[in-house]
Full PDB file with SEQRES, HELIX, SHEET, SSBOND, CRYST1, ORIGX, SCALE, CONECT and MASTER records, all heavy atoms in Angstrom:
SEQRES   1 A   39  ALA ALA ARG GLU GLU ARG LEU ALA ARG ARG ARG LYS ARG          
SEQRES   2 A   39  THR VAL ILE ILE ALA ILE ILE ALA ILE VAL LEU VAL LEU          
SEQRES   3 A   39  GLY ILE ALA GLY TYR PHE PHE THR ARG GLY GLU GLU PRO          
HELIX    1 AA1 ALA A    2  GLU A   37  1                                  36    
CRYST1    1.000    1.000    1.000  90.00  90.00  90.00 P 1           1          
ORIGX1      1.000000  0.000000  0.000000        0.00000                         
ORIGX2      0.000000  1.000000  0.000000        0.00000                         
ORIGX3      0.000000  0.000000  1.000000        0.00000                         
SCALE1      1.000000  0.000000  0.000000        0.00000                         
SCALE2      0.000000  1.000000  0.000000        0.00000                         
SCALE3      0.000000  0.000000  1.000000        0.00000                         
ATOM      1  N   ALA A   1     -18.910 -38.332  -9.174  1.00  0.00           N  
ATOM      2  CA  ALA A   1     -19.522 -36.987  -9.161  1.00  0.00           C  
ATOM      3  C   ALA A   1     -19.362 -36.310  -7.815  1.00  0.00           C  
ATOM      4  O   ALA A   1     -19.100 -35.115  -7.712  1.00  0.00           O  
ATOM      5  CB  ALA A   1     -21.004 -37.088  -9.536  1.00  0.00           C  
ATOM      6  N   ALA A   2     -19.512 -37.101  -6.751  1.00  0.00           N  
ATOM      7  CA  ALA A   2     -19.355 -36.531  -5.405  1.00  0.00           C  
ATOM      8  C   ALA A   2     -17.940 -36.048  -5.191  1.00  0.00           C  
ATOM      9  O   ALA A   2     -17.707 -34.995  -4.574  1.00  0.00           O  
ATOM     10  CB  ALA A   2     -19.742 -37.587  -4.355  1.00  0.00           C  
ATOM     11  N   ARG A   3     -16.989 -36.819  -5.691  1.00  0.00           N  
ATOM     12  CA  ARG A   3     -15.604 -36.405  -5.525  1.00  0.00           C  
ATOM     13  C   ARG A   3     -15.307 -35.111  -6.273  1.00  0.00           C  
ATOM     14  O   ARG A   3     -14.602 -34.225  -5.783  1.00  0.00           O  
ATOM     15  CB  ARG A   3     -14.687 -37.526  -6.022  1.00  0.00           C  
ATOM     16  CG  ARG A   3     -13.198 -37.245  -5.761  1.00  0.00           C  
ATOM     17  CD  ARG A   3     -12.373 -38.436  -6.111  1.00  0.00           C  
ATOM     18  NE  ARG A   3     -12.569 -38.801  -7.517  1.00  0.00           N  
ATOM     19  CZ  ARG A   3     -12.024 -39.878  -8.105  1.00  0.00           C  
ATOM     20  NH1 ARG A   3     -11.285 -40.716  -7.402  1.00  0.00           N  
ATOM     21  NH2 ARG A   3     -12.234 -40.147  -9.371  1.00  0.00           N  
ATOM     22  N   GLU A   4     -15.849 -34.952  -7.458  1.00  0.00           N  
ATOM     23  CA  GLU A   4     -15.623 -33.720  -8.220  1.00  0.00           C  
ATOM     24  C   GLU A   4     -16.237 -32.513  -7.513  1.00  0.00           C  
ATOM     25  O   GLU A   4     -15.679 -31.412  -7.487  1.00  0.00           O  
ATOM     26  CB  GLU A   4     -16.244 -33.867  -9.620  1.00  0.00           C  
ATOM     27  CG  GLU A   4     -15.513 -34.858 -10.511  1.00  0.00           C  
ATOM     28  CD  GLU A   4     -14.106 -34.383 -10.855  1.00  0.00           C  
ATOM     29  OE1 GLU A   4     -13.883 -33.119 -10.853  1.00  0.00           O  
ATOM     30  OE2 GLU A   4     -13.260 -35.220 -11.115  1.00  0.00           O  
ATOM     31  N   GLU A   5     -17.359 -32.660  -6.879  1.00  0.00           N  
ATOM     32  CA  GLU A   5     -18.002 -31.566  -6.161  1.00  0.00           C  
ATOM     33  C   GLU A   5     -17.168 -31.131  -4.976  1.00  0.00           C  
ATOM     34  O   GLU A   5     -17.021 -29.949  -4.692  1.00  0.00           O  
ATOM     35  CB  GLU A   5     -19.394 -32.012  -5.706  1.00  0.00           C  
ATOM     36  CG  GLU A   5     -20.180 -30.881  -5.027  1.00  0.00           C  
ATOM     37  CD  GLU A   5     -21.569 -31.337  -4.647  1.00  0.00           C  
ATOM     38  OE1 GLU A   5     -21.950 -32.472  -4.993  1.00  0.00           O  
ATOM     39  OE2 GLU A   5     -22.281 -30.511  -4.013  1.00  0.00           O  
ATOM     40  N   ARG A   6     -16.574 -32.118  -4.263  1.00  0.00           N  
ATOM     41  CA  ARG A   6     -15.736 -31.755  -3.125  1.00  0.00           C  
ATOM     42  C   ARG A   6     -14.499 -30.997  -3.584  1.00  0.00           C  
ATOM     43  O   ARG A   6     -14.061 -30.029  -2.949  1.00  0.00           O  
ATOM     44  CB  ARG A   6     -15.317 -33.030  -2.369  1.00  0.00           C  
ATOM     45  CG  ARG A   6     -16.472 -33.648  -1.560  1.00  0.00           C  
ATOM     46  CD  ARG A   6     -15.907 -34.658  -0.562  1.00  0.00           C  
ATOM     47  NE  ARG A   6     -15.224 -35.752  -1.226  1.00  0.00           N  
ATOM     48  CZ  ARG A   6     -15.825 -36.881  -1.660  1.00  0.00           C  
ATOM     49  NH1 ARG A   6     -17.114 -37.060  -1.476  1.00  0.00           N  
ATOM     50  NH2 ARG A   6     -15.118 -37.825  -2.260  1.00  0.00           N  
ATOM     51  N   LEU A   7     -13.940 -31.377  -4.677  1.00  0.00           N  
ATOM     52  CA  LEU A   7     -12.749 -30.686  -5.194  1.00  0.00           C  
ATOM     53  C   LEU A   7     -13.088 -29.241  -5.587  1.00  0.00           C  
ATOM     54  O   LEU A   7     -12.297 -28.308  -5.358  1.00  0.00           O  
ATOM     55  CB  LEU A   7     -12.187 -31.459  -6.402  1.00  0.00           C  
ATOM     56  CG  LEU A   7     -11.544 -32.818  -6.091  1.00  0.00           C  
ATOM     57  CD1 LEU A   7     -11.148 -33.530  -7.376  1.00  0.00           C  
ATOM     58  CD2 LEU A   7     -10.329 -32.647  -5.168  1.00  0.00           C  
ATOM     59  N   ALA A   8     -14.273 -29.017  -6.188  1.00  0.00           N  
ATOM     60  CA  ALA A   8     -14.659 -27.659  -6.597  1.00  0.00           C  
ATOM     61  C   ALA A   8     -14.831 -26.735  -5.385  1.00  0.00           C  
ATOM     62  O   ALA A   8     -14.403 -25.584  -5.389  1.00  0.00           O  
ATOM     63  CB  ALA A   8     -15.958 -27.710  -7.416  1.00  0.00           C  
ATOM     64  N   ARG A   9     -15.463 -27.262  -4.283  1.00  0.00           N  
ATOM     65  CA  ARG A   9     -15.630 -26.456  -3.083  1.00  0.00           C  
ATOM     66  C   ARG A   9     -14.295 -26.101  -2.461  1.00  0.00           C  
ATOM     67  O   ARG A   9     -14.084 -24.998  -1.953  1.00  0.00           O  
ATOM     68  CB  ARG A   9     -16.510 -27.198  -2.073  1.00  0.00           C  
ATOM     69  CG  ARG A   9     -17.997 -27.211  -2.474  1.00  0.00           C  
ATOM     70  CD  ARG A   9     -18.860 -27.548  -1.271  1.00  0.00           C  
ATOM     71  NE  ARG A   9     -18.553 -28.875  -0.759  1.00  0.00           N  
ATOM     72  CZ  ARG A   9     -19.185 -29.987  -1.143  1.00  0.00           C  
ATOM     73  NH1 ARG A   9     -20.165 -29.931  -2.015  1.00  0.00           N  
ATOM     74  NH2 ARG A   9     -18.854 -31.141  -0.616  1.00  0.00           N  
ATOM     75  N   ARG A  10     -13.363 -27.033  -2.526  1.00  0.00           N  
ATOM     76  CA  ARG A  10     -12.045 -26.790  -1.958  1.00  0.00           C  
ATOM     77  C   ARG A  10     -11.313 -25.692  -2.721  1.00  0.00           C  
ATOM     78  O   ARG A  10     -10.672 -24.818  -2.128  1.00  0.00           O  
ATOM     79  CB  ARG A  10     -11.245 -28.105  -1.972  1.00  0.00           C  
ATOM     80  CG  ARG A  10      -9.899 -28.020  -1.240  1.00  0.00           C  
ATOM     81  CD  ARG A  10      -9.216 -29.351  -1.269  1.00  0.00           C  
ATOM     82  NE  ARG A  10     -10.072 -30.363  -0.667  1.00  0.00           N  
ATOM     83  CZ  ARG A  10      -9.999 -31.677  -0.949  1.00  0.00           C  
ATOM     84  NH1 ARG A  10      -9.152 -32.106  -1.842  1.00  0.00           N  
ATOM     85  NH2 ARG A  10     -10.797 -32.522  -0.345  1.00  0.00           N  
ATOM     86  N   ARG A  11     -11.405 -25.718  -4.066  1.00  0.00           N  
ATOM     87  CA  ARG A  11     -10.754 -24.675  -4.853  1.00  0.00           C  
ATOM     88  C   ARG A  11     -11.372 -23.292  -4.572  1.00  0.00           C  
ATOM     89  O   ARG A  11     -10.681 -22.291  -4.490  1.00  0.00           O  
ATOM     90  CB  ARG A  11     -10.872 -24.998  -6.360  1.00  0.00           C  
ATOM     91  CG  ARG A  11      -9.935 -26.134  -6.798  1.00  0.00           C  
ATOM     92  CD  ARG A  11      -9.837 -26.168  -8.317  1.00  0.00           C  
ATOM     93  NE  ARG A  11     -11.141 -26.470  -8.910  1.00  0.00           N  
ATOM     94  CZ  ARG A  11     -11.564 -27.703  -9.189  1.00  0.00           C  
ATOM     95  NH1 ARG A  11     -10.795 -28.761  -8.923  1.00  0.00           N  
ATOM     96  NH2 ARG A  11     -12.751 -27.900  -9.733  1.00  0.00           N  
ATOM     97  N   LYS A  12     -12.695 -23.190  -4.394  1.00  0.00           N  
ATOM     98  CA  LYS A  12     -13.377 -21.915  -4.113  1.00  0.00           C  
ATOM     99  C   LYS A  12     -12.914 -21.336  -2.796  1.00  0.00           C  
ATOM    100  O   LYS A  12     -12.656 -20.138  -2.668  1.00  0.00           O  
ATOM    101  CB  LYS A  12     -14.878 -22.146  -4.112  1.00  0.00           C  
ATOM    102  CG  LYS A  12     -15.701 -20.863  -3.963  1.00  0.00           C  
ATOM    103  CD  LYS A  12     -17.169 -21.174  -4.084  1.00  0.00           C  
ATOM    104  CE  LYS A  12     -17.993 -19.900  -3.965  1.00  0.00           C  
ATOM    105  NZ  LYS A  12     -19.447 -20.169  -4.085  1.00  0.00           N  
ATOM    106  N   ARG A  13     -12.792 -22.184  -1.743  1.00  0.00           N  
ATOM    107  CA  ARG A  13     -12.309 -21.706  -0.449  1.00  0.00           C  
ATOM    108  C   ARG A  13     -10.898 -21.185  -0.548  1.00  0.00           C  
ATOM    109  O   ARG A  13     -10.517 -20.197   0.055  1.00  0.00           O  
ATOM    110  CB  ARG A  13     -12.395 -22.842   0.587  1.00  0.00           C  
ATOM    111  CG  ARG A  13     -13.808 -23.108   1.100  1.00  0.00           C  
ATOM    112  CD  ARG A  13     -13.751 -23.927   2.403  1.00  0.00           C  
ATOM    113  NE  ARG A  13     -13.046 -25.179   2.224  1.00  0.00           N  
ATOM    114  CZ  ARG A  13     -13.627 -26.336   1.854  1.00  0.00           C  
ATOM    115  NH1 ARG A  13     -14.928 -26.371   1.636  1.00  0.00           N  
ATOM    116  NH2 ARG A  13     -12.903 -27.428   1.719  1.00  0.00           N  
ATOM    117  N   THR A  14     -10.100 -21.841  -1.356  1.00  0.00           N  
ATOM    118  CA  THR A  14      -8.706 -21.419  -1.520  1.00  0.00           C  
ATOM    119  C   THR A  14      -8.627 -20.020  -2.137  1.00  0.00           C  
ATOM    120  O   THR A  14      -7.843 -19.163  -1.716  1.00  0.00           O  
ATOM    121  CB  THR A  14      -7.953 -22.426  -2.400  1.00  0.00           C  
ATOM    122  OG1 THR A  14      -8.043 -23.730  -1.802  1.00  0.00           O  
ATOM    123  CG2 THR A  14      -6.496 -22.027  -2.551  1.00  0.00           C  
ATOM    124  N   VAL A  15      -9.499 -19.737  -3.154  1.00  0.00           N  
ATOM    125  CA  VAL A  15      -9.487 -18.399  -3.796  1.00  0.00           C  
ATOM    126  C   VAL A  15      -9.918 -17.315  -2.812  1.00  0.00           C  
ATOM    127  O   VAL A  15      -9.321 -16.241  -2.728  1.00  0.00           O  
ATOM    128  CB  VAL A  15     -10.406 -18.420  -5.037  1.00  0.00           C  
ATOM    129  CG1 VAL A  15     -10.562 -17.007  -5.585  1.00  0.00           C  
ATOM    130  CG2 VAL A  15      -9.836 -19.336  -6.115  1.00  0.00           C  
ATOM    131  N   ILE A  16     -10.952 -17.585  -2.005  1.00  0.00           N  
ATOM    132  CA  ILE A  16     -11.439 -16.598  -1.042  1.00  0.00           C  
ATOM    133  C   ILE A  16     -10.382 -16.296  -0.008  1.00  0.00           C  
ATOM    134  O   ILE A  16     -10.129 -15.130   0.362  1.00  0.00           O  
ATOM    135  CB  ILE A  16     -12.730 -17.112  -0.378  1.00  0.00           C  
ATOM    136  CG1 ILE A  16     -13.865 -17.176  -1.430  1.00  0.00           C  
ATOM    137  CG2 ILE A  16     -13.146 -16.207   0.785  1.00  0.00           C  
ATOM    138  CD1 ILE A  16     -15.132 -17.810  -0.917  1.00  0.00           C  
ATOM    139  N   ILE A  17      -9.716 -17.326   0.487  1.00  0.00           N  
ATOM    140  CA  ILE A  17      -8.672 -17.115   1.499  1.00  0.00           C  
ATOM    141  C   ILE A  17      -7.533 -16.291   0.920  1.00  0.00           C  
ATOM    142  O   ILE A  17      -6.969 -15.392   1.581  1.00  0.00           O  
ATOM    143  CB  ILE A  17      -8.166 -18.485   2.017  1.00  0.00           C  
ATOM    144  CG1 ILE A  17      -9.291 -19.173   2.814  1.00  0.00           C  
ATOM    145  CG2 ILE A  17      -6.923 -18.320   2.887  1.00  0.00           C  
ATOM    146  CD1 ILE A  17      -8.970 -20.616   3.193  1.00  0.00           C  
ATOM    147  N   ALA A  18      -7.214 -16.528  -0.352  1.00  0.00           N  
ATOM    148  CA  ALA A  18      -6.128 -15.765  -0.985  1.00  0.00           C  
ATOM    149  C   ALA A  18      -6.487 -14.280  -1.097  1.00  0.00           C  
ATOM    150  O   ALA A  18      -5.671 -13.384  -0.835  1.00  0.00           O  
ATOM    151  CB  ALA A  18      -5.826 -16.354  -2.363  1.00  0.00           C  
ATOM    152  N   ILE A  19      -7.776 -13.967  -1.456  1.00  0.00           N  
ATOM    153  CA  ILE A  19      -8.203 -12.563  -1.586  1.00  0.00           C  
ATOM    154  C   ILE A  19      -8.155 -11.870  -0.239  1.00  0.00           C  
ATOM    155  O   ILE A  19      -7.666 -10.741  -0.099  1.00  0.00           O  
ATOM    156  CB  ILE A  19      -9.606 -12.503  -2.188  1.00  0.00           C  
ATOM    157  CG1 ILE A  19      -9.592 -12.977  -3.652  1.00  0.00           C  
ATOM    158  CG2 ILE A  19     -10.172 -11.072  -2.119  1.00  0.00           C  
ATOM    159  CD1 ILE A  19     -10.943 -13.101  -4.298  1.00  0.00           C  
ATOM    160  N   ILE A  20      -8.626 -12.552   0.807  1.00  0.00           N  
ATOM    161  CA  ILE A  20      -8.608 -11.961   2.138  1.00  0.00           C  
ATOM    162  C   ILE A  20      -7.188 -11.681   2.588  1.00  0.00           C  
ATOM    163  O   ILE A  20      -6.871 -10.644   3.179  1.00  0.00           O  
ATOM    164  CB  ILE A  20      -9.339 -12.880   3.137  1.00  0.00           C  
ATOM    165  CG1 ILE A  20     -10.844 -12.935   2.785  1.00  0.00           C  
ATOM    166  CG2 ILE A  20      -9.164 -12.396   4.573  1.00  0.00           C  
ATOM    167  CD1 ILE A  20     -11.623 -13.936   3.608  1.00  0.00           C  
ATOM    168  N   ALA A  21      -6.317 -12.559   2.289  1.00  0.00           N  
ATOM    169  CA  ALA A  21      -4.913 -12.377   2.679  1.00  0.00           C  
ATOM    170  C   ALA A  21      -4.298 -11.171   1.984  1.00  0.00           C  
ATOM    171  O   ALA A  21      -3.553 -10.377   2.591  1.00  0.00           O  
ATOM    172  CB  ALA A  21      -4.124 -13.656   2.355  1.00  0.00           C  
ATOM    173  N   ILE A  22      -4.640 -10.970   0.688  1.00  0.00           N  
ATOM    174  CA  ILE A  22      -4.086  -9.830  -0.050  1.00  0.00           C  
ATOM    175  C   ILE A  22      -4.582  -8.522   0.554  1.00  0.00           C  
ATOM    176  O   ILE A  22      -3.838  -7.561   0.743  1.00  0.00           O  
ATOM    177  CB  ILE A  22      -4.464  -9.934  -1.530  1.00  0.00           C  
ATOM    178  CG1 ILE A  22      -3.743 -11.127  -2.182  1.00  0.00           C  
ATOM    179  CG2 ILE A  22      -4.115  -8.644  -2.268  1.00  0.00           C  
ATOM    180  CD1 ILE A  22      -4.188 -11.427  -3.590  1.00  0.00           C  
ATOM    181  N   VAL A  23      -5.918  -8.452   0.869  1.00  0.00           N  
ATOM    182  CA  VAL A  23      -6.483  -7.248   1.463  1.00  0.00           C  
ATOM    183  C   VAL A  23      -5.821  -6.928   2.788  1.00  0.00           C  
ATOM    184  O   VAL A  23      -5.478  -5.783   3.095  1.00  0.00           O  
ATOM    185  CB  VAL A  23      -8.008  -7.394   1.619  1.00  0.00           C  
ATOM    186  CG1 VAL A  23      -8.588  -6.246   2.427  1.00  0.00           C  
ATOM    187  CG2 VAL A  23      -8.684  -7.476   0.252  1.00  0.00           C  
ATOM    188  N   LEU A  24      -5.607  -7.937   3.628  1.00  0.00           N  
ATOM    189  CA  LEU A  24      -4.959  -7.715   4.918  1.00  0.00           C  
ATOM    190  C   LEU A  24      -3.549  -7.196   4.753  1.00  0.00           C  
ATOM    191  O   LEU A  24      -3.095  -6.296   5.476  1.00  0.00           O  
ATOM    192  CB  LEU A  24      -4.962  -9.016   5.727  1.00  0.00           C  
ATOM    193  CG  LEU A  24      -6.334  -9.477   6.254  1.00  0.00           C  
ATOM    194  CD1 LEU A  24      -6.219 -10.838   6.935  1.00  0.00           C  
ATOM    195  CD2 LEU A  24      -6.886  -8.451   7.223  1.00  0.00           C  
ATOM    196  N   VAL A  25      -2.841  -7.724   3.783  1.00  0.00           N  
ATOM    197  CA  VAL A  25      -1.455  -7.289   3.553  1.00  0.00           C  
ATOM    198  C   VAL A  25      -1.427  -5.817   3.127  1.00  0.00           C  
ATOM    199  O   VAL A  25      -0.620  -5.023   3.610  1.00  0.00           O  
ATOM    200  CB  VAL A  25      -0.784  -8.186   2.509  1.00  0.00           C  
ATOM    201  CG1 VAL A  25       0.556  -7.611   2.074  1.00  0.00           C  
ATOM    202  CG2 VAL A  25      -0.573  -9.587   3.068  1.00  0.00           C  
ATOM    203  N   LEU A  26      -2.354  -5.435   2.206  1.00  0.00           N  
ATOM    204  CA  LEU A  26      -2.387  -4.041   1.759  1.00  0.00           C  
ATOM    205  C   LEU A  26      -2.764  -3.101   2.902  1.00  0.00           C  
ATOM    206  O   LEU A  26      -2.197  -2.002   3.045  1.00  0.00           O  
ATOM    207  CB  LEU A  26      -3.389  -3.877   0.609  1.00  0.00           C  
ATOM    208  CG  LEU A  26      -3.015  -4.575  -0.704  1.00  0.00           C  
ATOM    209  CD1 LEU A  26      -4.125  -4.418  -1.730  1.00  0.00           C  
ATOM    210  CD2 LEU A  26      -1.699  -4.002  -1.257  1.00  0.00           C  
ATOM    211  N   GLY A  27      -3.715  -3.490   3.741  1.00  0.00           N  
ATOM    212  CA  GLY A  27      -4.098  -2.644   4.870  1.00  0.00           C  
ATOM    213  C   GLY A  27      -2.972  -2.452   5.859  1.00  0.00           C  
ATOM    214  O   GLY A  27      -2.735  -1.344   6.359  1.00  0.00           O  
ATOM    215  N   ILE A  28      -2.253  -3.521   6.140  1.00  0.00           N  
ATOM    216  CA  ILE A  28      -1.141  -3.413   7.089  1.00  0.00           C  
ATOM    217  C   ILE A  28      -0.050  -2.526   6.526  1.00  0.00           C  
ATOM    218  O   ILE A  28       0.545  -1.687   7.221  1.00  0.00           O  
ATOM    219  CB  ILE A  28      -0.614  -4.815   7.424  1.00  0.00           C  
ATOM    220  CG1 ILE A  28      -1.683  -5.596   8.212  1.00  0.00           C  
ATOM    221  CG2 ILE A  28       0.678  -4.730   8.231  1.00  0.00           C  
ATOM    222  CD1 ILE A  28      -1.346  -7.060   8.410  1.00  0.00           C  
ATOM    223  N   ALA A  29       0.194  -2.643   5.211  1.00  0.00           N  
ATOM    224  CA  ALA A  29       1.229  -1.811   4.587  1.00  0.00           C  
ATOM    225  C   ALA A  29       0.850  -0.336   4.636  1.00  0.00           C  
ATOM    226  O   ALA A  29       1.684   0.533   4.945  1.00  0.00           O  
ATOM    227  CB  ALA A  29       1.436  -2.269   3.136  1.00  0.00           C  
ATOM    228  N   GLY A  30      -0.425  -0.014   4.339  1.00  0.00           N  
ATOM    229  CA  GLY A  30      -0.853   1.382   4.409  1.00  0.00           C  
ATOM    230  C   GLY A  30      -0.776   1.939   5.812  1.00  0.00           C  
ATOM    231  O   GLY A  30      -0.417   3.106   6.022  1.00  0.00           O  
ATOM    232  N   TYR A  31      -1.111   1.138   6.804  1.00  0.00           N  
ATOM    233  CA  TYR A  31      -1.062   1.600   8.201  1.00  0.00           C  
ATOM    234  C   TYR A  31       0.350   1.987   8.591  1.00  0.00           C  
ATOM    235  O   TYR A  31       0.601   3.070   9.133  1.00  0.00           O  
ATOM    236  CB  TYR A  31      -1.601   0.508   9.101  1.00  0.00           C  
ATOM    237  CG  TYR A  31      -1.421   0.793  10.567  1.00  0.00           C  
ATOM    238  CD1 TYR A  31      -2.258   1.710  11.214  1.00  0.00           C  
ATOM    239  CD2 TYR A  31      -0.409   0.181  11.294  1.00  0.00           C  
ATOM    240  CE1 TYR A  31      -2.078   1.981  12.551  1.00  0.00           C  
ATOM    241  CE2 TYR A  31      -0.226   0.459  12.638  1.00  0.00           C  
ATOM    242  CZ  TYR A  31      -1.065   1.347  13.267  1.00  0.00           C  
ATOM    243  OH  TYR A  31      -0.888   1.620  14.597  1.00  0.00           O  
ATOM    244  N   PHE A  32       1.306   1.097   8.278  1.00  0.00           N  
ATOM    245  CA  PHE A  32       2.698   1.405   8.654  1.00  0.00           C  
ATOM    246  C   PHE A  32       3.260   2.571   7.845  1.00  0.00           C  
ATOM    247  O   PHE A  32       4.107   3.322   8.319  1.00  0.00           O  
ATOM    248  CB  PHE A  32       3.584   0.158   8.479  1.00  0.00           C  
ATOM    249  CG  PHE A  32       3.410  -0.835   9.592  1.00  0.00           C  
ATOM    250  CD1 PHE A  32       2.705  -2.008   9.398  1.00  0.00           C  
ATOM    251  CD2 PHE A  32       3.935  -0.574  10.844  1.00  0.00           C  
ATOM    252  CE1 PHE A  32       2.543  -2.904  10.427  1.00  0.00           C  
ATOM    253  CE2 PHE A  32       3.765  -1.480  11.882  1.00  0.00           C  
ATOM    254  CZ  PHE A  32       3.077  -2.651  11.684  1.00  0.00           C  
ATOM    255  N   PHE A  33       2.716   2.785   6.610  1.00  0.00           N  
ATOM    256  CA  PHE A  33       3.183   3.901   5.791  1.00  0.00           C  
ATOM    257  C   PHE A  33       2.769   5.242   6.407  1.00  0.00           C  
ATOM    258  O   PHE A  33       3.557   6.174   6.514  1.00  0.00           O  
ATOM    259  CB  PHE A  33       2.610   3.761   4.376  1.00  0.00           C  
ATOM    260  CG  PHE A  33       3.007   4.892   3.457  1.00  0.00           C  
ATOM    261  CD1 PHE A  33       4.281   4.962   2.918  1.00  0.00           C  
ATOM    262  CD2 PHE A  33       2.095   5.889   3.156  1.00  0.00           C  
ATOM    263  CE1 PHE A  33       4.631   6.009   2.088  1.00  0.00           C  
ATOM    264  CE2 PHE A  33       2.451   6.932   2.340  1.00  0.00           C  
ATOM    265  CZ  PHE A  33       3.718   6.986   1.790  1.00  0.00           C  
ATOM    266  N   THR A  34       1.469   5.335   6.795  1.00  0.00           N  
ATOM    267  CA  THR A  34       1.005   6.577   7.417  1.00  0.00           C  
ATOM    268  C   THR A  34       1.632   6.801   8.770  1.00  0.00           C  
ATOM    269  O   THR A  34       1.916   7.932   9.176  1.00  0.00           O  
ATOM    270  CB  THR A  34      -0.524   6.553   7.553  1.00  0.00           C  
ATOM    271  OG1 THR A  34      -0.912   5.382   8.288  1.00  0.00           O  
ATOM    272  CG2 THR A  34      -1.200   6.529   6.187  1.00  0.00           C  
ATOM    273  N   ARG A  35       1.821   5.802   9.525  1.00  0.00           N  
ATOM    274  CA  ARG A  35       2.462   5.950  10.829  1.00  0.00           C  
ATOM    275  C   ARG A  35       3.889   6.426  10.683  1.00  0.00           C  
ATOM    276  O   ARG A  35       4.421   7.128  11.526  1.00  0.00           O  
ATOM    277  CB  ARG A  35       2.451   4.613  11.579  1.00  0.00           C  
ATOM    278  CG  ARG A  35       1.077   4.191  12.067  1.00  0.00           C  
ATOM    279  CD  ARG A  35       0.586   5.095  13.150  1.00  0.00           C  
ATOM    280  NE  ARG A  35       1.425   5.026  14.326  1.00  0.00           N  
ATOM    281  CZ  ARG A  35       1.314   5.807  15.380  1.00  0.00           C  
ATOM    282  NH1 ARG A  35       0.391   6.752  15.374  1.00  0.00           N  
ATOM    283  NH2 ARG A  35       2.118   5.668  16.437  1.00  0.00           N  
ATOM    284  N   GLY A  36       4.481   6.088   9.552  1.00  0.00           N  
ATOM    285  CA  GLY A  36       5.857   6.529   9.334  1.00  0.00           C  
ATOM    286  C   GLY A  36       5.945   8.006   9.059  1.00  0.00           C  
ATOM    287  O   GLY A  36       6.941   8.656   9.365  1.00  0.00           O  
ATOM    288  N   GLU A  37       4.835   8.665   8.477  1.00  0.00           N  
ATOM    289  CA  GLU A  37       4.864  10.086   8.180  1.00  0.00           C  
ATOM    290  C   GLU A  37       4.550  10.933   9.403  1.00  0.00           C  
ATOM    291  O   GLU A  37       4.978  12.071   9.500  1.00  0.00           O  
ATOM    292  CB  GLU A  37       3.844  10.410   7.078  1.00  0.00           C  
ATOM    293  CG  GLU A  37       4.275   9.885   5.708  1.00  0.00           C  
ATOM    294  CD  GLU A  37       3.283  10.304   4.648  1.00  0.00           C  
ATOM    295  OE1 GLU A  37       2.188  10.773   5.033  1.00  0.00           O  
ATOM    296  OE2 GLU A  37       3.594  10.186   3.468  1.00  0.00           O  
ATOM    297  N   GLU A  38       3.733  10.407  10.328  1.00  0.00           N  
ATOM    298  CA  GLU A  38       3.315  11.192  11.479  1.00  0.00           C  
ATOM    299  C   GLU A  38       4.481  11.644  12.345  1.00  0.00           C  
ATOM    300  O   GLU A  38       4.541  12.789  12.776  1.00  0.00           O  
ATOM    301  CB  GLU A  38       2.309  10.407  12.316  1.00  0.00           C  
ATOM    302  CG  GLU A  38       0.954  10.323  11.631  1.00  0.00           C  
ATOM    303  CD  GLU A  38      -0.047   9.593  12.497  1.00  0.00           C  
ATOM    304  OE1 GLU A  38       0.354   9.170  13.614  1.00  0.00           O  
ATOM    305  OE2 GLU A  38      -1.196   9.443  12.079  1.00  0.00           O  
ATOM    306  N   PRO A  39       5.418  10.816  12.614  1.00  0.00           N  
ATOM    307  CA  PRO A  39       6.563  11.308  13.404  1.00  0.00           C  
ATOM    308  C   PRO A  39       7.272  12.451  12.727  1.00  0.00           C  
ATOM    309  O   PRO A  39       7.709  13.393  13.369  1.00  0.00           O  
ATOM    310  CB  PRO A  39       7.440  10.067  13.546  1.00  0.00           C  
ATOM    311  CG  PRO A  39       6.498   8.917  13.404  1.00  0.00           C  
ATOM    312  CD  PRO A  39       5.486   9.348  12.423  1.00  0.00           C  
TER     313      PRO A  39                                                      
MASTER        0    0    0    1    0    0    0    6  312    1    0    3          
END                                                                             
């Protein structure tokens, strides 16, 4: 039972890290897009 609980926590951390990474990628893309129009 203890082993199954550790595996579940590990999977949850993996999902959160993936969501944060997607948000960062979208923000960086939007920043470079607007900077490209200003010139």
